[in-house]
PDB file of all heavy atoms in Angstrom:
ATOM      1  N   HIS A   1     104.529 128.829  75.411  1.00  0.00           N
ATOM      2  CA  HIS A   1     103.313 128.108  75.069  1.00  0.00           C
ATOM      3  C   HIS A   1     103.614 126.945  74.121  1.00  0.00           C
ATOM      4  O   HIS A   1     104.633 126.956  73.432  1.00  0.00           O
ATOM      5  CB  HIS A   1     102.322 129.049  74.368  1.00  0.00           C
ATOM      6  CG  HIS A   1     101.557 129.913  75.327  1.00  0.00           C
ATOM      7  ND1 HIS A   1     100.642 130.838  74.892  1.00  0.00           N
ATOM      8  CD2 HIS A   1     101.583 130.005  76.675  1.00  0.00           C
ATOM      9  CE1 HIS A   1     100.149 131.475  75.948  1.00  0.00           C
ATOM     10  NE2 HIS A   1     100.681 131.003  77.024  1.00  0.00           N
ATOM     11  N   TYR A   2     102.712 125.997  74.137  1.00  0.00           N
ATOM     12  CA  TYR A   2     102.779 124.942  73.106  1.00  0.00           C
ATOM     13  C   TYR A   2     102.756 125.615  71.735  1.00  0.00           C
ATOM     14  O   TYR A   2     102.176 126.702  71.556  1.00  0.00           O
ATOM     15  CB  TYR A   2     101.556 124.018  73.308  1.00  0.00           C
ATOM     16  CG  TYR A   2     101.559 122.826  72.407  1.00  0.00           C
ATOM     17  CD1 TYR A   2     102.385 121.742  72.638  1.00  0.00           C
ATOM     18  CD2 TYR A   2     100.684 122.756  71.313  1.00  0.00           C
ATOM     19  CE1 TYR A   2     102.369 120.628  71.830  1.00  0.00           C
ATOM     20  CE2 TYR A   2     100.659 121.624  70.503  1.00  0.00           C
ATOM     21  CZ  TYR A   2     101.503 120.587  70.743  1.00  0.00           C
ATOM     22  OH  TYR A   2     101.503 119.476  69.920  1.00  0.00           O
ATOM     23  N   PRO A   3     103.379 125.000  70.727  1.00  0.00           N
ATOM     24  CA  PRO A   3     103.469 125.646  69.391  1.00  0.00           C
ATOM     25  C   PRO A   3     102.133 126.062  68.830  1.00  0.00           C
ATOM     26  O   PRO A   3     101.072 125.496  69.203  1.00  0.00           O
ATOM     27  CB  PRO A   3     104.104 124.540  68.548  1.00  0.00           C
ATOM     28  CG  PRO A   3     104.877 123.730  69.506  1.00  0.00           C
ATOM     29  CD  PRO A   3     104.098 123.704  70.765  1.00  0.00           C
ATOM     30  N   GLY A   4     102.160 126.995  67.938  1.00  0.00           N
ATOM     31  CA  GLY A   4     100.941 127.510  67.323  1.00  0.00           C
ATOM     32  C   GLY A   4     100.285 126.499  66.417  1.00  0.00           C
ATOM     33  O   GLY A   4      99.054 126.559  66.230  1.00  0.00           O
ATOM     34  N   PHE A   5     101.037 125.584  65.852  1.00  0.00           N
ATOM     35  CA  PHE A   5     100.475 124.685  64.841  1.00  0.00           C
ATOM     36  C   PHE A   5     100.803 123.243  65.138  1.00  0.00           C
ATOM     37  O   PHE A   5     101.935 122.916  65.528  1.00  0.00           O
ATOM     38  CB  PHE A   5     101.019 125.043  63.458  1.00  0.00           C
ATOM     39  CG  PHE A   5     100.787 126.459  63.033  1.00  0.00           C
ATOM     40  CD1 PHE A   5     101.730 127.423  63.328  1.00  0.00           C
ATOM     41  CD2 PHE A   5      99.594 126.853  62.469  1.00  0.00           C
ATOM     42  CE1 PHE A   5     101.514 128.763  62.994  1.00  0.00           C
ATOM     43  CE2 PHE A   5      99.329 128.173  62.151  1.00  0.00           C
ATOM     44  CZ  PHE A   5     100.306 129.141  62.417  1.00  0.00           C
ATOM     45  N   THR A   6      99.828 122.378  64.990  1.00  0.00           N
ATOM     46  CA  THR A   6     100.041 120.944  65.134  1.00  0.00           C
ATOM     47  C   THR A   6      99.544 120.248  63.885  1.00  0.00           C
ATOM     48  O   THR A   6      98.388 120.486  63.450  1.00  0.00           O
ATOM     49  CB  THR A   6      99.320 120.373  66.385  1.00  0.00           C
ATOM     50  OG1 THR A   6      99.768 121.073  67.530  1.00  0.00           O
ATOM     51  CG2 THR A   6      99.598 118.891  66.539  1.00  0.00           C
ATOM     52  N   HIS A   7     100.348 119.368  63.360  1.00  0.00           N
ATOM     53  CA  HIS A   7      99.969 118.604  62.133  1.00  0.00           C
ATOM     54  C   HIS A   7      99.858 117.134  62.469  1.00  0.00           C
ATOM     55  O   HIS A   7     100.759 116.560  63.133  1.00  0.00           O
ATOM     56  CB  HIS A   7     101.002 118.810  61.010  1.00  0.00           C
ATOM     57  CG  HIS A   7     101.222 120.228  60.651  1.00  0.00           C
ATOM     58  ND1 HIS A   7     100.375 120.937  59.839  1.00  0.00           N
ATOM     59  CD2 HIS A   7     102.184 121.126  61.008  1.00  0.00           C
ATOM     60  CE1 HIS A   7     100.778 122.176  59.686  1.00  0.00           C
ATOM     61  NE2 HIS A   7     101.895 122.308  60.390  1.00  0.00           N
ATOM     62  N   PHE A   8      98.810 116.505  62.039  1.00  0.00           N
ATOM     63  CA  PHE A   8      98.586 115.081  62.239  1.00  0.00           C
ATOM     64  C   PHE A   8      98.617 114.430  60.849  1.00  0.00           C
ATOM     65  O   PHE A   8      97.644 114.552  60.064  1.00  0.00           O
ATOM     66  CB  PHE A   8      97.252 114.831  62.928  1.00  0.00           C
ATOM     67  CG  PHE A   8      97.067 115.573  64.221  1.00  0.00           C
ATOM     68  CD1 PHE A   8      96.497 116.839  64.216  1.00  0.00           C
ATOM     69  CD2 PHE A   8      97.472 115.043  65.421  1.00  0.00           C
ATOM     70  CE1 PHE A   8      96.341 117.561  65.390  1.00  0.00           C
ATOM     71  CE2 PHE A   8      97.340 115.766  66.605  1.00  0.00           C
ATOM     72  CZ  PHE A   8      96.747 117.016  66.609  1.00  0.00           C
ATOM     73  N   LEU A   9      99.698 113.748  60.539  1.00  0.00           N
ATOM     74  CA  LEU A   9      99.916 113.246  59.192  1.00  0.00           C
ATOM     75  C   LEU A   9      99.294 111.862  58.993  1.00  0.00           C
ATOM     76  O   LEU A   9      99.569 110.947  59.781  1.00  0.00           O
ATOM     77  CB  LEU A   9     101.423 113.162  58.897  1.00  0.00           C
ATOM     78  CG  LEU A   9     102.246 114.444  59.090  1.00  0.00           C
ATOM     79  CD1 LEU A   9     103.699 114.244  58.667  1.00  0.00           C
ATOM     80  CD2 LEU A   9     101.629 115.608  58.294  1.00  0.00           C
ATOM     81  N   ALA A  10      98.483 111.749  57.953  1.00  0.00           N
ATOM     82  CA  ALA A  10      97.904 110.455  57.517  1.00  0.00           C
ATOM     83  C   ALA A  10      97.519 109.558  58.702  1.00  0.00           C
ATOM     84  O   ALA A  10      97.995 108.448  58.810  1.00  0.00           O
ATOM     85  CB  ALA A  10      98.893 109.732  56.645  1.00  0.00           C
ATOM     86  N   PRO A  11      96.663 110.054  59.600  1.00  0.00           N
ATOM     87  CA  PRO A  11      96.367 109.250  60.824  1.00  0.00           C
ATOM     88  C   PRO A  11      95.719 107.935  60.529  1.00  0.00           C
ATOM     89  O   PRO A  11      94.671 107.849  59.919  1.00  0.00           O
ATOM     90  CB  PRO A  11      95.418 110.191  61.585  1.00  0.00           C
ATOM     91  CG  PRO A  11      94.851 111.102  60.551  1.00  0.00           C
ATOM     92  CD  PRO A  11      95.909 111.310  59.508  1.00  0.00           C
ATOM     93  N   HIS A  12      96.350 106.870  61.004  1.00  0.00           N
ATOM     94  CA  HIS A  12      95.863 105.500  60.860  1.00  0.00           C
ATOM     95  C   HIS A  12      95.316 104.954  62.172  1.00  0.00           C
ATOM     96  O   HIS A  12      95.055 103.742  62.282  1.00  0.00           O
ATOM     97  CB  HIS A  12      96.986 104.558  60.365  1.00  0.00           C
ATOM     98  CG  HIS A  12      97.270 104.673  58.902  1.00  0.00           C
ATOM     99  ND1 HIS A  12      97.727 105.833  58.291  1.00  0.00           N
ATOM    100  CD2 HIS A  12      97.144 103.754  57.883  1.00  0.00           C
ATOM    101  CE1 HIS A  12      97.857 105.619  57.012  1.00  0.00           C
ATOM    102  NE2 HIS A  12      97.518 104.391  56.733  1.00  0.00           N
ATOM    103  N   TYR A  13      95.144 105.784  63.166  1.00  0.00           N
ATOM    104  CA  TYR A  13      94.832 105.364  64.513  1.00  0.00           C
ATOM    105  C   TYR A  13      93.414 105.703  64.947  1.00  0.00           C
ATOM    106  O   TYR A  13      93.083 105.651  66.106  1.00  0.00           O
ATOM    107  CB  TYR A  13      95.834 105.928  65.521  1.00  0.00           C
ATOM    108  CG  TYR A  13      96.146 107.389  65.312  1.00  0.00           C
ATOM    109  CD1 TYR A  13      95.360 108.400  65.854  1.00  0.00           C
ATOM    110  CD2 TYR A  13      97.229 107.779  64.526  1.00  0.00           C
ATOM    111  CE1 TYR A  13      95.609 109.751  65.644  1.00  0.00           C
ATOM    112  CE2 TYR A  13      97.540 109.134  64.304  1.00  0.00           C
ATOM    113  CZ  TYR A  13      96.731 110.099  64.877  1.00  0.00           C
ATOM    114  OH  TYR A  13      97.024 111.419  64.661  1.00  0.00           O
ATOM    115  N   THR A  14      92.565 106.106  64.009  1.00  0.00           N
ATOM    116  CA  THR A  14      91.213 106.505  64.368  1.00  0.00           C
ATOM    117  C   THR A  14      90.167 105.928  63.389  1.00  0.00           C
ATOM    118  O   THR A  14      90.298 106.095  62.190  1.00  0.00           O
ATOM    119  CB  THR A  14      91.050 108.000  64.449  1.00  0.00           C
ATOM    120  OG1 THR A  14      89.658 108.349  64.519  1.00  0.00           O
ATOM    121  CG2 THR A  14      91.645 108.683  63.198  1.00  0.00           C
ATOM    122  N   PRO A  15      89.125 105.244  63.897  1.00  0.00           N
ATOM    123  CA  PRO A  15      88.088 104.694  63.050  1.00  0.00           C
ATOM    124  C   PRO A  15      87.182 105.760  62.450  1.00  0.00           C
ATOM    125  O   PRO A  15      86.478 105.491  61.493  1.00  0.00           O
ATOM    126  CB  PRO A  15      87.313 103.742  63.974  1.00  0.00           C
ATOM    127  CG  PRO A  15      87.531 104.323  65.344  1.00  0.00           C
ATOM    128  CD  PRO A  15      88.925 104.841  65.335  1.00  0.00           C
ATOM    129  N   THR A  16      87.176 106.970  63.033  1.00  0.00           N
ATOM    130  CA  THR A  16      86.300 108.009  62.491  1.00  0.00           C
ATOM    131  C   THR A  16      86.902 108.679  61.280  1.00  0.00           C
ATOM    132  O   THR A  16      86.274 109.561  60.655  1.00  0.00           O
ATOM    133  CB  THR A  16      86.003 109.072  63.558  1.00  0.00           C
ATOM    134  OG1 THR A  16      87.262 109.659  64.024  1.00  0.00           O
ATOM    135  CG2 THR A  16      85.283 108.464  64.754  1.00  0.00           C
ATOM    136  N   ASN A  17      88.104 108.303  60.903  1.00  0.00           N
ATOM    137  CA  ASN A  17      88.789 108.875  59.716  1.00  0.00           C
ATOM    138  C   ASN A  17      89.438 107.741  58.938  1.00  0.00           C
ATOM    139  O   ASN A  17      90.668 107.684  58.829  1.00  0.00           O
ATOM    140  CB  ASN A  17      89.842 109.921  60.174  1.00  0.00           C
ATOM    141  CG  ASN A  17      90.538 110.607  59.011  1.00  0.00           C
ATOM    142  OD1 ASN A  17      90.209 110.385  57.834  1.00  0.00           O
ATOM    143  ND2 ASN A  17      91.481 111.462  59.343  1.00  0.00           N
ATOM    144  N   PRO A  18      88.628 106.848  58.360  1.00  0.00           N
ATOM    145  CA  PRO A  18      89.188 105.677  57.691  1.00  0.00           C
ATOM    146  C   PRO A  18      90.005 106.007  56.439  1.00  0.00           C
ATOM    147  O   PRO A  18      90.787 105.199  55.963  1.00  0.00           O
ATOM    148  CB  PRO A  18      87.932 104.850  57.339  1.00  0.00           C
ATOM    149  CG  PRO A  18      86.826 105.845  57.309  1.00  0.00           C
ATOM    150  CD  PRO A  18      87.174 106.866  58.364  1.00  0.00           C
ATOM    151  N   SER A  19      89.800 107.204  55.898  1.00  0.00           N
ATOM    152  CA  SER A  19      90.575 107.576  54.698  1.00  0.00           C
ATOM    153  C   SER A  19      91.881 108.264  55.046  1.00  0.00           C
ATOM    154  O   SER A  19      92.652 108.677  54.149  1.00  0.00           O
ATOM    155  CB  SER A  19      89.710 108.534  53.825  1.00  0.00           C
ATOM    156  OG  SER A  19      88.563 107.905  53.344  1.00  0.00           O
ATOM    157  N   HIS A  20      92.158 108.427  56.342  1.00  0.00           N
ATOM    158  CA  HIS A  20      93.438 108.947  56.847  1.00  0.00           C
ATOM    159  C   HIS A  20      93.715 110.376  56.366  1.00  0.00           C
ATOM    160  O   HIS A  20      94.826 110.725  56.013  1.00  0.00           O
ATOM    161  CB  HIS A  20      94.608 108.025  56.431  1.00  0.00           C
ATOM    162  CG  HIS A  20      94.328 106.578  56.548  1.00  0.00           C
ATOM    163  ND1 HIS A  20      93.886 105.989  57.747  1.00  0.00           N
ATOM    164  CD2 HIS A  20      94.366 105.549  55.651  1.00  0.00           C
ATOM    165  CE1 HIS A  20      93.684 104.705  57.578  1.00  0.00           C
ATOM    166  NE2 HIS A  20      93.978 104.401  56.311  1.00  0.00           N
ATOM    167  N   TRP A  21      92.690 111.180  56.342  1.00  0.00           N
ATOM    168  CA  TRP A  21      92.880 112.599  55.954  1.00  0.00           C
ATOM    169  C   TRP A  21      93.733 113.322  57.002  1.00  0.00           C
ATOM    170  O   TRP A  21      93.499 113.212  58.190  1.00  0.00           O
ATOM    171  CB  TRP A  21      91.539 113.312  55.834  1.00  0.00           C
ATOM    172  CG  TRP A  21      90.591 112.734  54.820  1.00  0.00           C
ATOM    173  CD1 TRP A  21      90.896 112.361  53.561  1.00  0.00           C
ATOM    174  CD2 TRP A  21      89.193 112.467  54.979  1.00  0.00           C
ATOM    175  NE1 TRP A  21      89.783 111.871  52.906  1.00  0.00           N
ATOM    176  CE2 TRP A  21      88.729 111.952  53.744  1.00  0.00           C
ATOM    177  CE3 TRP A  21      88.325 112.604  56.050  1.00  0.00           C
ATOM    178  CZ2 TRP A  21      87.405 111.577  53.581  1.00  0.00           C
ATOM    179  CZ3 TRP A  21      86.981 112.283  55.873  1.00  0.00           C
ATOM    180  CH2 TRP A  21      86.546 111.753  54.636  1.00  0.00           C
ATOM    181  N   ASN A  22      94.715 114.067  56.538  1.00  0.00           N
ATOM    182  CA  ASN A  22      95.537 114.892  57.442  1.00  0.00           C
ATOM    183  C   ASN A  22      94.655 115.835  58.228  1.00  0.00           C
ATOM    184  O   ASN A  22      93.642 116.306  57.746  1.00  0.00           O
ATOM    185  CB  ASN A  22      96.541 115.716  56.618  1.00  0.00           C
ATOM    186  CG  ASN A  22      97.764 114.925  56.208  1.00  0.00           C
ATOM    187  OD1 ASN A  22      97.713 113.689  56.176  1.00  0.00           O
ATOM    188  ND2 ASN A  22      98.828 115.597  55.882  1.00  0.00           N
ATOM    189  N   GLN A  23      95.079 116.157  59.470  1.00  0.00           N
ATOM    190  CA  GLN A  23      94.385 117.147  60.292  1.00  0.00           C
ATOM    191  C   GLN A  23      95.409 118.168  60.757  1.00  0.00           C
ATOM    192  O   GLN A  23      96.584 117.866  60.926  1.00  0.00           O
ATOM    193  CB  GLN A  23      93.698 116.454  61.462  1.00  0.00           C
ATOM    194  CG  GLN A  23      92.714 115.392  61.081  1.00  0.00           C
ATOM    195  CD  GLN A  23      91.567 115.899  60.214  1.00  0.00           C
ATOM    196  OE1 GLN A  23      91.016 116.956  60.484  1.00  0.00           O
ATOM    197  NE2 GLN A  23      91.217 115.153  59.170  1.00  0.00           N
ATOM    198  N   GLU A  24      94.906 119.399  60.968  1.00  0.00           N
ATOM    199  CA  GLU A  24      95.782 120.470  61.420  1.00  0.00           C
ATOM    200  C   GLU A  24      95.035 121.335  62.430  1.00  0.00           C
ATOM    201  O   GLU A  24      93.847 121.644  62.245  1.00  0.00           O
ATOM    202  CB  GLU A  24      96.196 121.352  60.203  1.00  0.00           C
ATOM    203  CG  GLU A  24      96.829 120.508  59.092  1.00  0.00           C
ATOM    204  CD  GLU A  24      96.993 121.340  57.815  1.00  0.00           C
ATOM    205  OE1 GLU A  24      97.273 122.540  57.926  1.00  0.00           O
ATOM    206  OE2 GLU A  24      96.854 120.740  56.763  1.00  0.00           O
ATOM    207  N   ALA A  25      95.723 121.710  63.481  1.00  0.00           N
ATOM    208  CA  ALA A  25      95.097 122.508  64.534  1.00  0.00           C
ATOM    209  C   ALA A  25      96.002 123.680  64.921  1.00  0.00           C
ATOM    210  O   ALA A  25      97.207 123.577  64.928  1.00  0.00           O
ATOM    211  CB  ALA A  25      94.833 121.626  65.767  1.00  0.00           C
ATOM    212  N   MET A  26      95.323 124.798  65.248  1.00  0.00           N
ATOM    213  CA  MET A  26      96.026 125.987  65.736  1.00  0.00           C
ATOM    214  C   MET A  26      95.723 126.162  67.210  1.00  0.00           C
ATOM    215  O   MET A  26      94.608 125.961  67.666  1.00  0.00           O
ATOM    216  CB  MET A  26      95.549 127.230  64.988  1.00  0.00           C
ATOM    217  CG  MET A  26      96.128 127.373  63.592  1.00  0.00           C
ATOM    218  SD  MET A  26      95.707 128.965  62.851  1.00  0.00           S
ATOM    219  CE  MET A  26      96.560 130.067  63.969  1.00  0.00           C
ATOM    220  N   ASN A  27      96.748 126.637  67.931  1.00  0.00           N
ATOM    221  CA  ASN A  27      96.648 126.845  69.387  1.00  0.00           C
ATOM    222  C   ASN A  27      96.274 128.290  69.651  1.00  0.00           C
ATOM    223  O   ASN A  27      97.124 129.163  69.738  1.00  0.00           O
ATOM    224  CB  ASN A  27      98.003 126.507  70.017  1.00  0.00           C
ATOM    225  CG  ASN A  27      98.057 126.822  71.494  1.00  0.00           C
ATOM    226  OD1 ASN A  27      97.042 127.002  72.152  1.00  0.00           O
ATOM    227  ND2 ASN A  27      99.302 126.907  72.023  1.00  0.00           N
ATOM    228  N   LEU A  28      95.017 128.559  69.835  1.00  0.00           N
ATOM    229  CA  LEU A  28      94.562 129.929  70.050  1.00  0.00           C
ATOM    230  C   LEU A  28      94.787 130.397  71.499  1.00  0.00           C
ATOM    231  O   LEU A  28      94.594 131.570  71.800  1.00  0.00           O
ATOM    232  CB  LEU A  28      93.087 130.068  69.684  1.00  0.00           C
ATOM    233  CG  LEU A  28      92.727 129.748  68.221  1.00  0.00           C
ATOM    234  CD1 LEU A  28      91.296 130.153  67.888  1.00  0.00           C
ATOM    235  CD2 LEU A  28      93.696 130.409  67.245  1.00  0.00           C
ATOM    236  N   ALA A  29      95.208 129.473  72.340  1.00  0.00           N
ATOM    237  CA  ALA A  29      95.656 129.891  73.701  1.00  0.00           C
ATOM    238  C   ALA A  29      96.983 130.629  73.648  1.00  0.00           C
ATOM    239  O   ALA A  29      97.351 131.276  74.615  1.00  0.00           O
ATOM    240  CB  ALA A  29      95.752 128.683  74.575  1.00  0.00           C
ATOM    241  N   ALA A  30      97.651 130.543  72.509  1.00  0.00           N
ATOM    242  CA  ALA A  30      98.957 131.240  72.363  1.00  0.00           C
ATOM    243  C   ALA A  30      98.789 132.641  71.783  1.00  0.00           C
ATOM    244  O   ALA A  30      99.784 133.341  71.573  1.00  0.00           O
ATOM    245  CB  ALA A  30      99.860 130.427  71.455  1.00  0.00           C
ATOM    246  N   LEU A  31      97.537 133.049  71.506  1.00  0.00           N
ATOM    247  CA  LEU A  31      97.335 134.431  71.044  1.00  0.00           C
ATOM    248  C   LEU A  31      97.703 135.408  72.150  1.00  0.00           C
ATOM    249  O   LEU A  31      97.665 135.089  73.316  1.00  0.00           O
ATOM    250  CB  LEU A  31      95.863 134.606  70.635  1.00  0.00           C
ATOM    251  CG  LEU A  31      95.332 133.781  69.491  1.00  0.00           C
ATOM    252  CD1 LEU A  31      93.862 134.092  69.263  1.00  0.00           C
ATOM    253  CD2 LEU A  31      96.135 134.038  68.191  1.00  0.00           C
ATOM    254  N   PRO A  32      98.018 136.642  71.777  1.00  0.00           N
ATOM    255  CA  PRO A  32      98.388 137.636  72.800  1.00  0.00           C
ATOM    256  C   PRO A  32      97.172 138.071  73.605  1.00  0.00           C
ATOM    257  O   PRO A  32      96.064 138.095  73.078  1.00  0.00           O
ATOM    258  CB  PRO A  32      98.951 138.789  71.965  1.00  0.00           C
ATOM    259  CG  PRO A  32      98.274 138.652  70.642  1.00  0.00           C
ATOM    260  CD  PRO A  32      98.139 137.170  70.403  1.00  0.00           C
ATOM    261  N   PRO A  33      97.363 138.372  74.882  1.00  0.00           N
ATOM    262  CA  PRO A  33      96.249 138.924  75.678  1.00  0.00           C
ATOM    263  C   PRO A  33      95.757 140.219  75.059  1.00  0.00           C
ATOM    264  O   PRO A  33      96.590 140.955  74.497  1.00  0.00           O
ATOM    265  CB  PRO A  33      96.894 139.170  77.056  1.00  0.00           C
ATOM    266  CG  PRO A  33      98.148 138.347  77.045  1.00  0.00           C
ATOM    267  CD  PRO A  33      98.618 138.270  75.649  1.00  0.00           C
ATOM    268  N   PRO A  34      94.500 140.539  75.092  1.00  0.00           N
ATOM    269  CA  PRO A  34      93.419 139.765  75.713  1.00  0.00           C
ATOM    270  C   PRO A  34      92.686 138.879  74.749  1.00  0.00           C
ATOM    271  O   PRO A  34      91.564 138.467  75.034  1.00  0.00           O
ATOM    272  CB  PRO A  34      92.499 140.928  76.192  1.00  0.00           C
ATOM    273  CG  PRO A  34      92.610 141.930  75.087  1.00  0.00           C
ATOM    274  CD  PRO A  34      94.054 141.870  74.629  1.00  0.00           C
ATOM    275  N   THR A  35      93.322 138.547  73.603  1.00  0.00           N
ATOM    276  CA  THR A  35      92.632 137.769  72.587  1.00  0.00           C
ATOM    277  C   THR A  35      92.747 136.269  72.797  1.00  0.00           C
ATOM    278  O   THR A  35      92.062 135.509  72.103  1.00  0.00           O
ATOM    279  CB  THR A  35      93.172 138.139  71.167  1.00  0.00           C
ATOM    280  OG1 THR A  35      94.550 137.762  71.120  1.00  0.00           O
ATOM    281  CG2 THR A  35      93.023 139.659  70.912  1.00  0.00           C
ATOM    282  N   ALA A  36      93.626 135.831  73.668  1.00  0.00           N
ATOM    283  CA  ALA A  36      93.853 134.392  73.855  1.00  0.00           C
ATOM    284  C   ALA A  36      92.655 133.715  74.532  1.00  0.00           C
ATOM    285  O   ALA A  36      91.989 134.311  75.356  1.00  0.00           O
ATOM    286  CB  ALA A  36      95.095 134.161  74.697  1.00  0.00           C
ATOM    287  N   HIS A  37      92.396 132.480  74.153  1.00  0.00           N
ATOM    288  CA  HIS A  37      91.379 131.705  74.800  1.00  0.00           C
ATOM    289  C   HIS A  37      91.681 130.216  74.607  1.00  0.00           C
ATOM    290  O   HIS A  37      92.390 129.833  73.661  1.00  0.00           O
ATOM    291  CB  HIS A  37      89.970 132.015  74.256  1.00  0.00           C
ATOM    292  CG  HIS A  37      89.888 132.229  72.754  1.00  0.00           C
ATOM    293  ND1 HIS A  37      89.753 131.186  71.882  1.00  0.00           N
ATOM    294  CD2 HIS A  37      89.949 133.348  72.027  1.00  0.00           C
ATOM    295  CE1 HIS A  37      89.671 131.661  70.652  1.00  0.00           C
ATOM    296  NE2 HIS A  37      89.828 132.984  70.702  1.00  0.00           N
ATOM    297  N   PRO A  38      91.228 129.349  75.520  1.00  0.00           N
ATOM    298  CA  PRO A  38      91.635 127.927  75.508  1.00  0.00           C
ATOM    299  C   PRO A  38      90.900 127.165  74.377  1.00  0.00           C
ATOM    300  O   PRO A  38      90.045 126.327  74.633  1.00  0.00           O
ATOM    301  CB  PRO A  38      91.207 127.443  76.895  1.00  0.00           C
ATOM    302  CG  PRO A  38      90.067 128.303  77.267  1.00  0.00           C
ATOM    303  CD  PRO A  38      90.373 129.674  76.666  1.00  0.00           C
ATOM    304  N   THR A  39      91.292 127.456  73.179  1.00  0.00           N
ATOM    305  CA  THR A  39      90.588 126.939  72.005  1.00  0.00           C
ATOM    306  C   THR A  39      91.571 126.372  71.011  1.00  0.00           C
ATOM    307  O   THR A  39      92.657 126.937  70.783  1.00  0.00           O
ATOM    308  CB  THR A  39      89.748 128.030  71.305  1.00  0.00           C
ATOM    309  OG1 THR A  39      88.853 128.581  72.252  1.00  0.00           O
ATOM    310  CG2 THR A  39      89.015 127.509  70.099  1.00  0.00           C
ATOM    311  N   LEU A  40      91.190 125.237  70.398  1.00  0.00           N
ATOM    312  CA  LEU A  40      91.930 124.692  69.267  1.00  0.00           C
ATOM    313  C   LEU A  40      91.083 124.969  68.016  1.00  0.00           C
ATOM    314  O   LEU A  40      89.869 124.752  68.017  1.00  0.00           O
ATOM    315  CB  LEU A  40      92.121 123.202  69.414  1.00  0.00           C
ATOM    316  CG  LEU A  40      93.011 122.761  70.591  1.00  0.00           C
ATOM    317  CD1 LEU A  40      92.988 121.239  70.717  1.00  0.00           C
ATOM    318  CD2 LEU A  40      94.443 123.266  70.413  1.00  0.00           C
ATOM    319  N   LEU A  41      91.739 125.457  66.988  1.00  0.00           N
ATOM    320  CA  LEU A  41      91.079 125.717  65.702  1.00  0.00           C
ATOM    321  C   LEU A  41      91.564 124.677  64.717  1.00  0.00           C
ATOM    322  O   LEU A  41      92.722 124.698  64.313  1.00  0.00           O
ATOM    323  CB  LEU A  41      91.383 127.130  65.210  1.00  0.00           C
ATOM    324  CG  LEU A  41      91.074 127.439  63.748  1.00  0.00           C
ATOM    325  CD1 LEU A  41      89.617 127.150  63.393  1.00  0.00           C
ATOM    326  CD2 LEU A  41      91.414 128.905  63.425  1.00  0.00           C
ATOM    327  N   PHE A  42      90.668 123.777  64.301  1.00  0.00           N
ATOM    328  CA  PHE A  42      91.018 122.801  63.289  1.00  0.00           C
ATOM    329  C   PHE A  42      90.572 123.339  61.909  1.00  0.00           C
ATOM    330  O   PHE A  42      89.403 123.700  61.711  1.00  0.00           O
ATOM    331  CB  PHE A  42      90.259 121.478  63.541  1.00  0.00           C
ATOM    332  CG  PHE A  42      90.882 120.622  64.628  1.00  0.00           C
ATOM    333  CD1 PHE A  42      90.544 120.851  65.965  1.00  0.00           C
ATOM    334  CD2 PHE A  42      91.802 119.645  64.342  1.00  0.00           C
ATOM    335  CE1 PHE A  42      91.125 120.104  66.964  1.00  0.00           C
ATOM    336  CE2 PHE A  42      92.385 118.891  65.311  1.00  0.00           C
ATOM    337  CZ  PHE A  42      92.059 119.109  66.651  1.00  0.00           C
ATOM    338  N   TYR A  43      91.522 123.389  60.999  1.00  0.00           N
ATOM    339  CA  TYR A  43      91.199 123.709  59.616  1.00  0.00           C
ATOM    340  C   TYR A  43      90.951 122.391  58.876  1.00  0.00           C
ATOM    341  O   TYR A  43      91.765 121.488  58.912  1.00  0.00           O
ATOM    342  CB  TYR A  43      92.376 124.411  58.934  1.00  0.00           C
ATOM    343  CG  TYR A  43      92.551 125.866  59.317  1.00  0.00           C
ATOM    344  CD1 TYR A  43      93.584 126.243  60.209  1.00  0.00           C
ATOM    345  CD2 TYR A  43      91.736 126.864  58.823  1.00  0.00           C
ATOM    346  CE1 TYR A  43      93.759 127.548  60.573  1.00  0.00           C
ATOM    347  CE2 TYR A  43      91.910 128.215  59.168  1.00  0.00           C
ATOM    348  CZ  TYR A  43      92.923 128.530  60.048  1.00  0.00           C
ATOM    349  OH  TYR A  43      93.088 129.847  60.381  1.00  0.00           O
ATOM    350  N   ILE A  44      89.788 122.290  58.260  1.00  0.00           N
ATOM    351  CA  ILE A  44      89.471 121.083  57.489  1.00  0.00           C
ATOM    352  C   ILE A  44      89.152 121.453  56.044  1.00  0.00           C
ATOM    353  O   ILE A  44      88.562 122.495  55.783  1.00  0.00           O
ATOM    354  CB  ILE A  44      88.294 120.334  58.130  1.00  0.00           C
ATOM    355  CG1 ILE A  44      87.060 121.223  58.231  1.00  0.00           C
ATOM    356  CG2 ILE A  44      88.663 119.797  59.506  1.00  0.00           C
ATOM    357  CD1 ILE A  44      85.817 120.488  58.736  1.00  0.00           C
TER     358      ILE A  44
END
């Protein structure tokens, strides 16, 4: 599976985040069956 964690450092490429706040997402599709589901969990 794709890694469990993705980090987006100081994003300068989006107008909806002009302060460039870091973003982090977890890959819940990588959970073990039967708990896996096609979901990204963003911690803010």
